[in-house]
Amino acid sequence: MNCPQCQETVEETKGSSASPYINTYKCTKCGWRKLRCGNTSCDGYLESEEMGYPNTVRYNCVKCGWSGTGTRFS
């Protein structure tokens, strides 16, 4: 996958602070960081949406529409 900010190829790390099953994308050029989609057949990334509960957000994939709830990714 390419970084949506600078188009550089991103690194993928296994696991994340949100879930051991959701990987992390990171761009070494510009510092962009997001969670990879939880749908294993999709290489999109997740955007967070506030739910009104402390430290709980809904994650939505910008590519396939997959969604899930979890703790805030920092």
PDB file of N, CA and C in Angstrom:
ATOM      1  N   MET A   1       0.840  -1.180   0.000  1.00  0.00           N
ATOM      2  CA  MET A   1       0.000   0.000   0.000  1.00  0.00           C
ATOM      3  C   MET A   1       0.885   1.244   0.000  1.00  0.00           C
ATOM      4  N   ASN A   2       0.402   2.300  -0.646  1.00  0.00           N
ATOM      5  CA  ASN A   2       1.112   3.580  -0.658  1.00  0.00           C
ATOM      6  C   ASN A   2       0.470   4.552   0.318  1.00  0.00           C
ATOM      7  N   CYS A   3       1.290   5.390   0.915  1.00  0.00           N
ATOM      8  CA  CYS A   3       0.827   6.412   1.849  1.00  0.00           C
ATOM      9  C   CYS A   3      -0.104   7.390   1.124  1.00  0.00           C
ATOM     10  N   PRO A   4      -1.281   7.680   1.687  1.00  0.00           N
ATOM     11  CA  PRO A   4      -2.194   8.624   1.041  1.00  0.00           C
ATOM     12  C   PRO A   4      -1.704  10.076   1.089  1.00  0.00           C
ATOM     13  N   GLN A   5      -0.721  10.369   1.939  1.00  0.00           N
ATOM     14  CA  GLN A   5      -0.206  11.743   2.032  1.00  0.00           C
ATOM     15  C   GLN A   5       0.955  12.008   1.084  1.00  0.00           C
ATOM     16  N   CYS A   6       1.924  11.074   1.017  1.00  0.00           N
ATOM     17  CA  CYS A   6       3.123  11.338   0.206  1.00  0.00           C
ATOM     18  C   CYS A   6       3.362  10.301  -0.888  1.00  0.00           C
ATOM     19  N   GLN A   7       2.522   9.265  -0.958  1.00  0.00           N
ATOM     20  CA  GLN A   7       2.591   8.202  -1.970  1.00  0.00           C
ATOM     21  C   GLN A   7       3.796   7.272  -1.832  1.00  0.00           C
ATOM     22  N   GLU A   8       4.525   7.362  -0.736  1.00  0.00           N
ATOM     23  CA  GLU A   8       5.635   6.445  -0.465  1.00  0.00           C
ATOM     24  C   GLU A   8       5.048   5.102  -0.016  1.00  0.00           C
ATOM     25  N   THR A   9       5.742   3.990  -0.266  1.00  0.00           N
ATOM     26  CA  THR A   9       5.290   2.683   0.201  1.00  0.00           C
ATOM     27  C   THR A   9       5.363   2.645   1.725  1.00  0.00           C
ATOM     28  N   VAL A  10       4.299   2.144   2.375  1.00  0.00           N
ATOM     29  CA  VAL A  10       4.261   2.100   3.838  1.00  0.00           C
ATOM     30  C   VAL A  10       4.759   0.756   4.359  1.00  0.00           C
ATOM     31  N   GLU A  11       5.228   0.750   5.602  1.00  0.00           N
ATOM     32  CA  GLU A  11       5.622  -0.480   6.287  1.00  0.00           C
ATOM     33  C   GLU A  11       4.413  -1.017   7.033  1.00  0.00           C
ATOM     34  N   GLU A  12       4.288  -2.342   7.103  1.00  0.00           N
ATOM     35  CA  GLU A  12       3.201  -2.962   7.859  1.00  0.00           C
ATOM     36  C   GLU A  12       3.797  -3.736   9.019  1.00  0.00           C
ATOM     37  N   THR A  13       3.306  -3.453  10.237  1.00  0.00           N
ATOM     38  CA  THR A  13       3.763  -4.112  11.451  1.00  0.00           C
ATOM     39  C   THR A  13       2.641  -5.004  11.968  1.00  0.00           C
ATOM     40  N   LYS A  14       2.979  -6.206  12.416  1.00  0.00           N
ATOM     41  CA  LYS A  14       1.981  -7.127  12.964  1.00  0.00           C
ATOM     42  C   LYS A  14       1.449  -6.600  14.288  1.00  0.00           C
ATOM     43  N   GLY A  15       0.120  -6.582  14.426  1.00  0.00           N
ATOM     44  CA  GLY A  15      -0.518  -6.161  15.663  1.00  0.00           C
ATOM     45  C   GLY A  15      -0.539  -4.653  15.837  1.00  0.00           C
ATOM     46  N   SER A  16      -1.245  -4.213  16.876  1.00  0.00           N
ATOM     47  CA  SER A  16      -1.363  -2.789  17.184  1.00  0.00           C
ATOM     48  C   SER A  16      -1.793  -2.637  18.635  1.00  0.00           C
ATOM     49  N   SER A  17      -1.842  -1.393  19.099  1.00  0.00           N
ATOM     50  CA  SER A  17      -2.315  -1.155  20.464  1.00  0.00           C
ATOM     51  C   SER A  17      -3.820  -1.382  20.569  1.00  0.00           C
ATOM     52  N   ALA A  18      -4.537  -1.334  19.445  1.00  0.00           N
ATOM     53  CA  ALA A  18      -5.984  -1.557  19.455  1.00  0.00           C
ATOM     54  C   ALA A  18      -6.326  -3.043  19.485  1.00  0.00           C
ATOM     55  N   SER A  19      -5.521  -3.876  18.810  1.00  0.00           N
ATOM     56  CA  SER A  19      -5.794  -5.308  18.740  1.00  0.00           C
ATOM     57  C   SER A  19      -4.556  -6.049  18.244  1.00  0.00           C
ATOM     58  N   PRO A  20      -4.296  -7.241  18.794  1.00  0.00           N
ATOM     59  CA  PRO A  20      -3.166  -8.020  18.274  1.00  0.00           C
ATOM     60  C   PRO A  20      -3.451  -8.574  16.877  1.00  0.00           C
ATOM     61  N   TYR A  21      -4.719  -8.527  16.447  1.00  0.00           N
ATOM     62  CA  TYR A  21      -5.123  -9.078  15.154  1.00  0.00           C
ATOM     63  C   TYR A  21      -5.202  -8.027  14.052  1.00  0.00           C
ATOM     64  N   ILE A  22      -5.074  -6.746  14.410  1.00  0.00           N
ATOM     65  CA  ILE A  22      -5.148  -5.669  13.420  1.00  0.00           C
ATOM     66  C   ILE A  22      -3.762  -5.049  13.297  1.00  0.00           C
ATOM     67  N   ASN A  23      -3.212  -5.088  12.102  1.00  0.00           N
ATOM     68  CA  ASN A  23      -1.856  -4.597  11.867  1.00  0.00           C
ATOM     69  C   ASN A  23      -1.816  -3.078  11.737  1.00  0.00           C
ATOM     70  N   THR A  24      -0.612  -2.540  11.825  1.00  0.00           N
ATOM     71  CA  THR A  24      -0.394  -1.096  11.756  1.00  0.00           C
ATOM     72  C   THR A  24       0.379  -0.741  10.492  1.00  0.00           C
ATOM     73  N   TYR A  25      -0.086   0.280   9.774  1.00  0.00           N
ATOM     74  CA  TYR A  25       0.647   0.848   8.643  1.00  0.00           C
ATOM     75  C   TYR A  25       1.408   2.067   9.136  1.00  0.00           C
ATOM     76  N   LYS A  26       2.650   2.241   8.663  1.00  0.00           N
ATOM     77  CA  LYS A  26       3.423   3.435   9.017  1.00  0.00           C
ATOM     78  C   LYS A  26       4.278   3.852   7.828  1.00  0.00           C
ATOM     79  N   CYS A  27       4.245   5.147   7.536  1.00  0.00           N
ATOM     80  CA  CYS A  27       5.076   5.709   6.476  1.00  0.00           C
ATOM     81  C   CYS A  27       6.352   6.256   7.107  1.00  0.00           C
ATOM     82  N   THR A  28       7.495   5.764   6.659  1.00  0.00           N
ATOM     83  CA  THR A  28       8.767   6.220   7.223  1.00  0.00           C
ATOM     84  C   THR A  28       9.181   7.579   6.670  1.00  0.00           C
ATOM     85  N   LYS A  29       8.558   8.003   5.584  1.00  0.00           N
ATOM     86  CA  LYS A  29       8.922   9.295   4.997  1.00  0.00           C
ATOM     87  C   LYS A  29       8.224  10.467   5.691  1.00  0.00           C
ATOM     88  N   CYS A  30       6.886  10.382   5.852  1.00  0.00           N
ATOM     89  CA  CYS A  30       6.150  11.531   6.413  1.00  0.00           C
ATOM     90  C   CYS A  30       5.571  11.287   7.805  1.00  0.00           C
ATOM     91  N   GLY A  31       5.647  10.027   8.325  1.00  0.00           N
ATOM     92  CA  GLY A  31       5.168   9.744   9.670  1.00  0.00           C
ATOM     93  C   GLY A  31       3.699   9.356   9.768  1.00  0.00           C
ATOM     94  N   TRP A  32       2.973   9.281   8.641  1.00  0.00           N
ATOM     95  CA  TRP A  32       1.558   8.889   8.634  1.00  0.00           C
ATOM     96  C   TRP A  32       1.436   7.500   9.249  1.00  0.00           C
ATOM     97  N   ARG A  33       0.415   7.295  10.124  1.00  0.00           N
ATOM     98  CA  ARG A  33       0.177   6.007  10.788  1.00  0.00           C
ATOM     99  C   ARG A  33      -1.304   5.734  10.874  1.00  0.00           C
ATOM    100  N   LYS A  34      -1.716   4.532  10.504  1.00  0.00           N
ATOM    101  CA  LYS A  34      -3.111   4.099  10.625  1.00  0.00           C
ATOM    102  C   LYS A  34      -3.143   2.598  10.847  1.00  0.00           C
ATOM    103  N   LEU A  35      -4.315   2.117  11.254  1.00  0.00           N
ATOM    104  CA  LEU A  35      -4.534   0.684  11.405  1.00  0.00           C
ATOM    105  C   LEU A  35      -4.971   0.102  10.070  1.00  0.00           C
ATOM    106  N   ARG A  36      -4.531  -1.125   9.780  1.00  0.00           N
ATOM    107  CA  ARG A  36      -4.960  -1.815   8.573  1.00  0.00           C
ATOM    108  C   ARG A  36      -6.382  -2.330   8.779  1.00  0.00           C
ATOM    109  N   CYS A  37      -7.132  -2.427   7.694  1.00  0.00           N
ATOM    110  CA  CYS A  37      -8.502  -2.940   7.741  1.00  0.00           C
ATOM    111  C   CYS A  37      -8.535  -4.323   8.387  1.00  0.00           C
ATOM    112  N   GLY A  38      -9.594  -4.612   9.151  1.00  0.00           N
ATOM    113  CA  GLY A  38      -9.766  -5.905   9.793  1.00  0.00           C
ATOM    114  C   GLY A  38     -10.246  -6.994   8.849  1.00  0.00           C
ATOM    115  N   ASN A  39     -10.672  -6.630   7.644  1.00  0.00           N
ATOM    116  CA  ASN A  39     -11.062  -7.587   6.613  1.00  0.00           C
ATOM    117  C   ASN A  39      -9.776  -8.083   5.954  1.00  0.00           C
ATOM    118  N   THR A  40      -9.454  -9.369   6.104  1.00  0.00           N
ATOM    119  CA  THR A  40      -8.168  -9.881   5.629  1.00  0.00           C
ATOM    120  C   THR A  40      -7.995  -9.805   4.118  1.00  0.00           C
ATOM    121  N   SER A  41      -9.073  -9.672   3.357  1.00  0.00           N
ATOM    122  CA  SER A  41      -8.942  -9.578   1.901  1.00  0.00           C
ATOM    123  C   SER A  41      -8.816  -8.130   1.426  1.00  0.00           C
ATOM    124  N   CYS A  42      -8.752  -7.171   2.349  1.00  0.00           N
ATOM    125  CA  CYS A  42      -8.667  -5.751   2.003  1.00  0.00           C
ATOM    126  C   CYS A  42      -7.350  -5.170   2.521  1.00  0.00           C
ATOM    127  N   ASP A  43      -6.732  -4.288   1.738  1.00  0.00           N
ATOM    128  CA  ASP A  43      -5.494  -3.646   2.196  1.00  0.00           C
ATOM    129  C   ASP A  43      -5.708  -2.174   2.546  1.00  0.00           C
ATOM    130  N   GLY A  44      -6.968  -1.789   2.776  1.00  0.00           N
ATOM    131  CA  GLY A  44      -7.285  -0.411   3.152  1.00  0.00           C
ATOM    132  C   GLY A  44      -6.888  -0.103   4.587  1.00  0.00           C
ATOM    133  N   TYR A  45      -7.138   1.133   5.003  1.00  0.00           N
ATOM    134  CA  TYR A  45      -6.805   1.540   6.365  1.00  0.00           C
ATOM    135  C   TYR A  45      -8.052   2.069   7.066  1.00  0.00           C
ATOM    136  N   LEU A  46      -7.984   2.140   8.396  1.00  0.00           N
ATOM    137  CA  LEU A  46      -9.134   2.510   9.214  1.00  0.00           C
ATOM    138  C   LEU A  46      -9.075   3.958   9.670  1.00  0.00           C
ATOM    139  N   GLU A  47     -10.206   4.625   9.589  1.00  0.00           N
ATOM    140  CA  GLU A  47     -10.388   5.965  10.157  1.00  0.00           C
ATOM    141  C   GLU A  47     -11.272   5.802  11.388  1.00  0.00           C
ATOM    142  N   SER A  48     -11.004   6.562  12.442  1.00  0.00           N
ATOM    143  CA  SER A  48     -11.797   6.447  13.668  1.00  0.00           C
ATOM    144  C   SER A  48     -12.937   7.452  13.679  1.00  0.00           C
ATOM    145  N   GLU A  49     -14.012   7.064  14.371  1.00  0.00           N
ATOM    146  CA  GLU A  49     -15.211   7.902  14.514  1.00  0.00           C
ATOM    147  C   GLU A  49     -15.620   7.875  15.984  1.00  0.00           C
ATOM    148  N   GLU A  50     -15.804   9.036  16.576  1.00  0.00           N
ATOM    149  CA  GLU A  50     -16.187   9.113  17.989  1.00  0.00           C
ATOM    150  C   GLU A  50     -17.560   8.481  18.211  1.00  0.00           C
ATOM    151  N   MET A  51     -17.708   7.751  19.334  1.00  0.00           N
ATOM    152  CA  MET A  51     -18.975   7.103  19.668  1.00  0.00           C
ATOM    153  C   MET A  51     -19.647   7.728  20.882  1.00  0.00           C
ATOM    154  N   GLY A  52     -18.957   8.591  21.602  1.00  0.00           N
ATOM    155  CA  GLY A  52     -19.531   9.210  22.788  1.00  0.00           C
ATOM    156  C   GLY A  52     -19.236   8.476  24.076  1.00  0.00           C
ATOM    157  N   TYR A  53     -18.413   7.431  24.012  1.00  0.00           N
ATOM    158  CA  TYR A  53     -18.004   6.692  25.202  1.00  0.00           C
ATOM    159  C   TYR A  53     -16.518   6.940  25.432  1.00  0.00           C
ATOM    160  N   PRO A  54     -16.067   6.982  26.684  1.00  0.00           N
ATOM    161  CA  PRO A  54     -14.647   7.235  26.961  1.00  0.00           C
ATOM    162  C   PRO A  54     -13.732   6.191  26.306  1.00  0.00           C
ATOM    163  N   ASN A  55     -12.736   6.661  25.563  1.00  0.00           N
ATOM    164  CA  ASN A  55     -11.716   5.813  24.924  1.00  0.00           C
ATOM    165  C   ASN A  55     -12.259   4.750  23.975  1.00  0.00           C
ATOM    166  N   THR A  56     -13.490   4.877  23.517  1.00  0.00           N
ATOM    167  CA  THR A  56     -14.071   3.907  22.589  1.00  0.00           C
ATOM    168  C   THR A  56     -14.433   4.606  21.285  1.00  0.00           C
ATOM    169  N   VAL A  57     -13.984   4.029  20.184  1.00  0.00           N
ATOM    170  CA  VAL A  57     -14.265   4.597  18.865  1.00  0.00           C
ATOM    171  C   VAL A  57     -14.730   3.500  17.915  1.00  0.00           C
ATOM    172  N   ARG A  58     -15.398   3.913  16.852  1.00  0.00           N
ATOM    173  CA  ARG A  58     -15.736   2.996  15.765  1.00  0.00           C
ATOM    174  C   ARG A  58     -14.688   3.199  14.688  1.00  0.00           C
ATOM    175  N   TYR A  59     -14.149   2.102  14.180  1.00  0.00           N
ATOM    176  CA  TYR A  59     -13.180   2.153  13.087  1.00  0.00           C
ATOM    177  C   TYR A  59     -13.879   1.776  11.793  1.00  0.00           C
ATOM    178  N   ASN A  60     -13.698   2.581  10.762  1.00  0.00           N
ATOM    179  CA  ASN A  60     -14.303   2.339   9.456  1.00  0.00           C
ATOM    180  C   ASN A  60     -13.213   2.299   8.392  1.00  0.00           C
ATOM    181  N   CYS A  61     -13.264   1.275   7.533  1.00  0.00           N
ATOM    182  CA  CYS A  61     -12.290   1.165   6.453  1.00  0.00           C
ATOM    183  C   CYS A  61     -12.657   2.133   5.330  1.00  0.00           C
ATOM    184  N   VAL A  62     -11.676   2.875   4.848  1.00  0.00           N
ATOM    185  CA  VAL A  62     -11.910   3.845   3.778  1.00  0.00           C
ATOM    186  C   VAL A  62     -12.053   3.161   2.419  1.00  0.00           C
ATOM    187  N   LYS A  63     -11.682   1.873   2.336  1.00  0.00           N
ATOM    188  CA  LYS A  63     -11.701   1.172   1.048  1.00  0.00           C
ATOM    189  C   LYS A  63     -12.906   0.240   0.886  1.00  0.00           C
ATOM    190  N   CYS A  64     -13.172  -0.618   1.886  1.00  0.00           N
ATOM    191  CA  CYS A  64     -14.231  -1.633   1.721  1.00  0.00           C
ATOM    192  C   CYS A  64     -15.448  -1.417   2.609  1.00  0.00           C
ATOM    193  N   GLY A  65     -15.369  -0.489   3.582  1.00  0.00           N
ATOM    194  CA  GLY A  65     -16.510  -0.225   4.452  1.00  0.00           C
ATOM    195  C   GLY A  65     -16.572  -1.082   5.707  1.00  0.00           C
ATOM    196  N   TRP A  66     -15.610  -1.999   5.910  1.00  0.00           N
ATOM    197  CA  TRP A  66     -15.580  -2.811   7.128  1.00  0.00           C
ATOM    198  C   TRP A  66     -15.570  -1.883   8.333  1.00  0.00           C
ATOM    199  N   SER A  67     -16.252  -2.274   9.410  1.00  0.00           N
ATOM    200  CA  SER A  67     -16.213  -1.449  10.619  1.00  0.00           C
ATOM    201  C   SER A  67     -16.173  -2.320  11.861  1.00  0.00           C
ATOM    202  N   GLY A  68     -15.648  -1.746  12.920  1.00  0.00           N
ATOM    203  CA  GLY A  68     -15.577  -2.417  14.204  1.00  0.00           C
ATOM    204  C   GLY A  68     -15.328  -1.386  15.284  1.00  0.00           C
ATOM    205  N   THR A  69     -15.587  -1.757  16.521  1.00  0.00           N
ATOM    206  CA  THR A  69     -15.353  -0.830  17.626  1.00  0.00           C
ATOM    207  C   THR A  69     -14.128  -1.278  18.407  1.00  0.00           C
ATOM    208  N   GLY A  70     -13.512  -0.342  19.089  1.00  0.00           N
ATOM    209  CA  GLY A  70     -12.344  -0.675  19.885  1.00  0.00           C
ATOM    210  C   GLY A  70     -11.835   0.527  20.646  1.00  0.00           C
ATOM    211  N   THR A  71     -10.696   0.340  21.296  1.00  0.00           N
ATOM    212  CA  THR A  71     -10.076   1.441  22.025  1.00  0.00           C
ATOM    213  C   THR A  71      -9.382   2.375  21.046  1.00  0.00           C
ATOM    214  N   ARG A  72      -9.184   3.587  21.475  1.00  0.00           N
ATOM    215  CA  ARG A  72      -8.542   4.593  20.624  1.00  0.00           C
ATOM    216  C   ARG A  72      -7.098   4.190  20.333  1.00  0.00           C
ATOM    217  N   PHE A  73      -6.714   4.258  19.067  1.00  0.00           N
ATOM    218  CA  PHE A  73      -5.353   3.970  18.617  1.00  0.00           C
ATOM    219  C   PHE A  73      -4.545   5.251  18.688  1.00  0.00           C
ATOM    220  N   SER A  74      -3.401   5.199  19.371  1.00  0.00           N
ATOM    221  CA  SER A  74      -2.598   6.427  19.488  1.00  0.00           C
ATOM    222  C   SER A  74      -1.300   6.308  18.734  1.00  0.00           C
TER     223      SER A  74
END
